[in-house]
C-alpha atoms as a PDB file:
ATOM      1  CA  MET A   1      44.525  80.381  13.760  1.00  0.00           C
ATOM      2  CA  SER A   2      46.886  83.279  14.356  1.00  0.00           C
ATOM      3  CA  THR A   3      50.559  82.813  15.074  1.00  0.00           C
ATOM      4  CA  VAL A   4      52.911  84.605  17.422  1.00  0.00           C
ATOM      5  CA  ALA A   5      56.668  85.051  17.123  1.00  0.00           C
ATOM      6  CA  LYS A   6      58.740  83.807  20.057  1.00  0.00           C
ATOM      7  CA  ASN A   7      62.470  84.260  20.592  1.00  0.00           C
ATOM      8  CA  PHE A   8      64.571  81.786  22.532  1.00  0.00           C
ATOM      9  CA  ARG A   9      68.267  81.110  22.900  1.00  0.00           C
ATOM     10  CA  ILE A  10      69.948  77.735  22.461  1.00  0.00           C
ATOM     11  CA  ASP A  11      73.507  76.592  21.988  1.00  0.00           C
ATOM     12  CA  SER A  12      74.557  77.100  18.351  1.00  0.00           C
ATOM     13  CA  GLU A  13      76.020  73.586  18.051  1.00  0.00           C
ATOM     14  CA  LEU A  14      72.819  72.053  19.420  1.00  0.00           C
ATOM     15  CA  SER A  15      70.791  74.160  16.981  1.00  0.00           C
ATOM     16  CA  ASP A  16      72.891  72.986  14.028  1.00  0.00           C
ATOM     17  CA  GLN A  17      72.682  69.334  15.052  1.00  0.00           C
ATOM     18  CA  ALA A  18      68.936  69.498  15.643  1.00  0.00           C
ATOM     19  CA  SER A  19      68.295  71.393  12.399  1.00  0.00           C
ATOM     20  CA  LYS A  20      70.153  68.780  10.361  1.00  0.00           C
ATOM     21  CA  LEU A  21      68.294  65.938  12.028  1.00  0.00           C
ATOM     22  CA  LEU A  22      64.914  67.630  11.679  1.00  0.00           C
ATOM     23  CA  GLU A  23      65.609  68.453   8.033  1.00  0.00           C
ATOM     24  CA  GLY A  24      66.099  64.738   7.440  1.00  0.00           C
ATOM     25  CA  LEU A  25      62.643  64.185   8.915  1.00  0.00           C
ATOM     26  CA  GLY A  26      61.139  66.877   6.718  1.00  0.00           C
ATOM     27  CA  LEU A  27      60.565  69.288   9.602  1.00  0.00           C
ATOM     28  CA  SER A  28      61.681  72.825  10.277  1.00  0.00           C
ATOM     29  CA  MET A  29      62.788  73.918  13.738  1.00  0.00           C
ATOM     30  CA  SER A  30      59.568  75.924  14.020  1.00  0.00           C
ATOM     31  CA  GLN A  31      57.424  72.898  13.144  1.00  0.00           C
ATOM     32  CA  ALA A  32      59.287  70.716  15.643  1.00  0.00           C
ATOM     33  CA  VAL A  33      58.872  73.275  18.434  1.00  0.00           C
ATOM     34  CA  SER A  34      55.156  73.554  17.604  1.00  0.00           C
ATOM     35  CA  MET A  35      54.824  69.750  17.767  1.00  0.00           C
ATOM     36  CA  PHE A  36      56.622  69.714  21.107  1.00  0.00           C
ATOM     37  CA  LEU A  37      54.363  72.440  22.541  1.00  0.00           C
ATOM     38  CA  ARG A  38      51.217  70.679  21.296  1.00  0.00           C
ATOM     39  CA  GLN A  39      52.364  67.558  23.120  1.00  0.00           C
ATOM     40  CA  VAL A  40      53.084  69.584  26.279  1.00  0.00           C
ATOM     41  CA  VAL A  41      49.471  70.780  26.205  1.00  0.00           C
ATOM     42  CA  LEU A  42      48.029  67.329  25.399  1.00  0.00           C
ATOM     43  CA  GLN A  43      50.131  65.569  28.041  1.00  0.00           C
ATOM     44  CA  GLN A  44      49.736  68.384  30.587  1.00  0.00           C
ATOM     45  CA  GLY A  45      53.504  68.343  31.074  1.00  0.00           C
ATOM     46  CA  LEU A  46      56.649  67.276  29.308  1.00  0.00           C
ATOM     47  CA  PRO A  47      55.908  64.564  26.752  1.00  0.00           C
ATOM     48  CA  PHE A  48      58.890  62.510  27.894  1.00  0.00           C
ATOM     49  CA  GLU A  49      60.569  61.424  31.086  1.00  0.00           C
ATOM     50  CA  VAL A  50      63.447  63.608  32.281  1.00  0.00           C
ATOM     51  CA  LYS A  51      66.134  61.655  34.092  1.00  0.00           C
ATOM     52  CA  TYR A  52      69.787  60.762  33.999  1.00  0.00           C
ATOM     53  CA  PRO A  53      70.609  57.966  31.562  1.00  0.00           C
ATOM     54  CA  LYS A  54      71.173  54.541  33.054  1.00  0.00           C
ATOM     55  CA  ARG A  55      74.762  53.447  33.209  1.00  0.00           C
ATOM     56  CA  SER A  56      75.576  50.143  31.604  1.00  0.00           C
ATOM     57  CA  GLY A  57      76.996  47.295  33.639  1.00  0.00           C
ATOM     58  CA  GLU A  58      80.226  47.607  31.650  1.00  0.00           C
ATOM     59  CA  LEU A  59      80.577  51.274  32.600  1.00  0.00           C
ATOM     60  CA  LEU A  60      79.843  50.562  36.266  1.00  0.00           C
ATOM     61  CA  ASP A  61      82.460  47.774  36.231  1.00  0.00           C
ATOM     62  CA  ALA A  62      85.019  50.142  34.689  1.00  0.00           C
ATOM     63  CA  ILE A  63      84.299  52.774  37.352  1.00  0.00           C
ATOM     64  CA  GLU A  64      84.773  50.209  40.127  1.00  0.00           C
ATOM     65  CA  GLU A  65      88.012  48.971  38.529  1.00  0.00           C
ATOM     66  CA  ALA A  66      89.328  52.548  38.350  1.00  0.00           C
ATOM     67  CA  LYS A  67      88.491  53.074  42.030  1.00  0.00           C
ATOM     68  CA  ARG A  68      90.304  49.844  42.979  1.00  0.00           C
ATOM     69  CA  LEU A  69      93.373  50.787  40.938  1.00  0.00           C
ATOM     70  CA  GLU A  70      93.459  54.271  42.431  1.00  0.00           C
ATOM     71  CA  ALA A  71      93.295  52.866  45.973  1.00  0.00           C
ATOM     72  CA  ASP A  72      95.947  50.176  45.325  1.00  0.00           C
ATOM     73  CA  PRO A  73      99.407  51.454  46.344  1.00  0.00           C
ATOM     74  CA  ARG A  74     100.971  48.911  43.959  1.00  0.00           C
ATOM     75  CA  THR A  75      99.398  50.581  40.924  1.00  0.00           C
ATOM     76  CA  LYS A  76     102.119  52.295  38.897  1.00  0.00           C
ATOM     77  CA  ARG A  77     101.846  56.075  38.935  1.00  0.00           C
ATOM     78  CA  TYR A  78     103.204  58.438  36.285  1.00  0.00           C
ATOM     79  CA  THR A  79     104.488  61.980  36.483  1.00  0.00           C
ATOM     80  CA  ASP A  80     105.772  61.932  32.897  1.00  0.00           C
ATOM     81  CA  MET A  81     103.435  61.423  29.951  1.00  0.00           C
ATOM     82  CA  ASN A  82     106.232  60.120  27.718  1.00  0.00           C
ATOM     83  CA  GLU A  83     106.958  57.356  30.248  1.00  0.00           C
ATOM     84  CA  MET A  84     103.281  56.438  30.347  1.00  0.00           C
ATOM     85  CA  TRP A  85     103.021  56.297  26.540  1.00  0.00           C
ATOM     86  CA  ALA A  86     106.217  54.230  26.368  1.00  0.00           C
ATOM     87  CA  ASP A  87     104.706  51.712  28.800  1.00  0.00           C
ATOM     88  CA  LEU A  88     101.470  51.595  26.782  1.00  0.00           C
ATOM     89  CA  ASP A  89     103.404  50.963  23.564  1.00  0.00           C
ATOM     90  CA  LYS A  90     105.094  47.883  25.063  1.00  0.00           C
END
């Protein structure tokens, strides 16, 4: 089987993170990309589902609470960060 060199660009931080993780699994970046491409061929598409992550109930509750607080005219507003931090330290 012959090989071919391919060049691609990815974010340097992503590359570093992935390389460290793959190294822990005993794989090089090249081996991992080859595995991915083999799965693309076998699956006739991406070997995983691509979608936005589900939001937890806790996160959705926090978003709704923030919306309620923003809409409530009685919610204290700050124009000075020091005043806000002073109130939080109470």
